[in-house]
Amino acid sequence: MNLRDDTLWKAELLAMGAVAREAARSLRETTSASKTVALMAAASALRANANAILAANATDIDAARTNSLGAAMLDRLSLNPQRIEA
């Protein structure tokens, strides 16, 4: 990694931190009912797209195995219908 890459990496992390702080502020000000609606919508979208998510995950797992990722990490990364439903 060179100095330019390091500077860009740090700038990207700082920008992500700023976005996260703003998101945290918004969440603090959001009602519980609104948060519940958002979580239910996210769960519904996950279920509706489960097949595509599982297919993409299988590709990611294959790449992780090719790159000799450890068994514990592979387990953490692996999805199945039960994990999506949980």
Protein backbone atom coordinates (compact mmCIF):
# COMPACT_ATOMS: atom_id res chain seq x y z
CA MET A 1 0.00 0.00 0.00
CA ASN A 2 1.38 3.39 -0.87
CA LEU A 3 0.80 6.75 0.82
CA ARG A 4 -1.94 7.72 -1.63
CA ASP A 5 -3.83 4.46 -1.04
CA ASP A 6 -3.42 4.91 2.72
CA THR A 7 -4.77 8.48 2.55
CA LEU A 8 -7.77 7.41 0.45
CA TRP A 9 -8.46 4.52 2.81
CA LYS A 10 -8.42 6.82 5.83
CA ALA A 11 -10.66 9.37 4.11
CA GLU A 12 -13.14 6.66 3.21
CA LEU A 13 -13.23 5.41 6.81
CA LEU A 14 -13.76 8.94 8.13
CA ALA A 15 -16.62 9.46 5.67
CA MET A 16 -18.20 6.15 6.71
CA GLY A 17 -17.91 7.20 10.36
CA ALA A 18 -19.68 10.49 9.65
CA VAL A 19 -22.51 8.67 7.89
CA ALA A 20 -22.78 6.21 10.80
CA ARG A 21 -22.98 9.05 13.33
CA GLU A 22 -25.77 10.70 11.35
CA ALA A 23 -27.62 7.38 11.07
CA ALA A 24 -27.29 6.86 14.83
CA ARG A 25 -28.74 10.32 15.46
CA SER A 26 -31.66 9.59 13.14
CA LEU A 27 -32.33 6.27 14.85
CA ARG A 28 -32.36 7.91 18.29
CA GLU A 29 -35.07 10.28 17.06
CA THR A 30 -37.17 7.60 15.37
CA THR A 31 -40.17 6.11 17.15
CA SER A 32 -40.24 2.46 18.15
CA ALA A 33 -43.21 1.91 15.84
CA SER A 34 -41.26 3.27 12.85
CA LYS A 35 -38.27 1.09 13.72
CA THR A 36 -40.55 -1.96 13.92
CA VAL A 37 -42.04 -1.19 10.50
CA ALA A 38 -38.54 -0.82 9.02
CA LEU A 39 -37.34 -4.09 10.56
CA MET A 40 -40.42 -5.95 9.33
CA ALA A 41 -39.87 -4.57 5.82
CA ALA A 42 -36.21 -5.63 5.91
CA ALA A 43 -37.18 -9.13 7.07
CA SER A 44 -39.75 -9.37 4.30
CA ALA A 45 -37.20 -8.29 1.69
CA LEU A 46 -34.71 -10.87 2.96
CA ARG A 47 -37.30 -13.63 2.70
CA ALA A 48 -38.43 -12.49 -0.76
CA ASN A 49 -34.85 -12.49 -2.03
CA ALA A 50 -33.61 -15.56 -0.16
CA ASN A 51 -32.80 -17.58 -3.30
CA ALA A 52 -30.67 -14.81 -4.80
CA ILE A 53 -28.98 -14.18 -1.45
CA LEU A 54 -28.16 -17.88 -1.05
CA ALA A 55 -26.78 -18.09 -4.60
CA ALA A 56 -24.55 -15.06 -4.07
CA ASN A 57 -23.42 -16.45 -0.72
CA ALA A 58 -22.47 -19.76 -2.37
CA THR A 59 -20.26 -17.84 -4.81
CA ASP A 60 -18.67 -15.94 -1.91
CA ILE A 61 -18.07 -19.16 0.04
CA ASP A 62 -16.41 -20.77 -3.00
CA ALA A 63 -14.09 -17.76 -3.30
CA ALA A 64 -13.34 -17.90 0.44
CA ARG A 65 -12.43 -21.59 0.18
CA THR A 66 -10.21 -20.85 -2.83
CA ASN A 67 -8.43 -18.27 -0.69
CA SER A 68 -8.00 -20.76 2.17
CA LEU A 69 -10.24 -19.02 4.66
CA GLY A 70 -10.42 -20.94 7.93
CA ALA A 71 -13.29 -23.28 8.80
CA ALA A 72 -14.60 -21.07 11.61
CA MET A 73 -14.77 -18.03 9.34
CA LEU A 74 -16.41 -20.08 6.58
CA ASP A 75 -19.06 -21.13 9.07
CA ARG A 76 -19.69 -17.52 10.08
CA LEU A 77 -20.03 -16.48 6.44
CA SER A 78 -22.21 -19.39 5.34
CA LEU A 79 -25.92 -18.78 4.94
CA ASN A 80 -28.76 -21.28 4.70
CA PRO A 81 -32.54 -20.84 4.82
CA GLN A 82 -32.57 -21.28 8.60
CA ARG A 83 -30.00 -18.57 9.13
CA ILE A 84 -31.89 -16.19 6.87
CA GLU A 85 -35.10 -16.88 8.77
CA ALA A 86 -33.42 -16.38 12.14
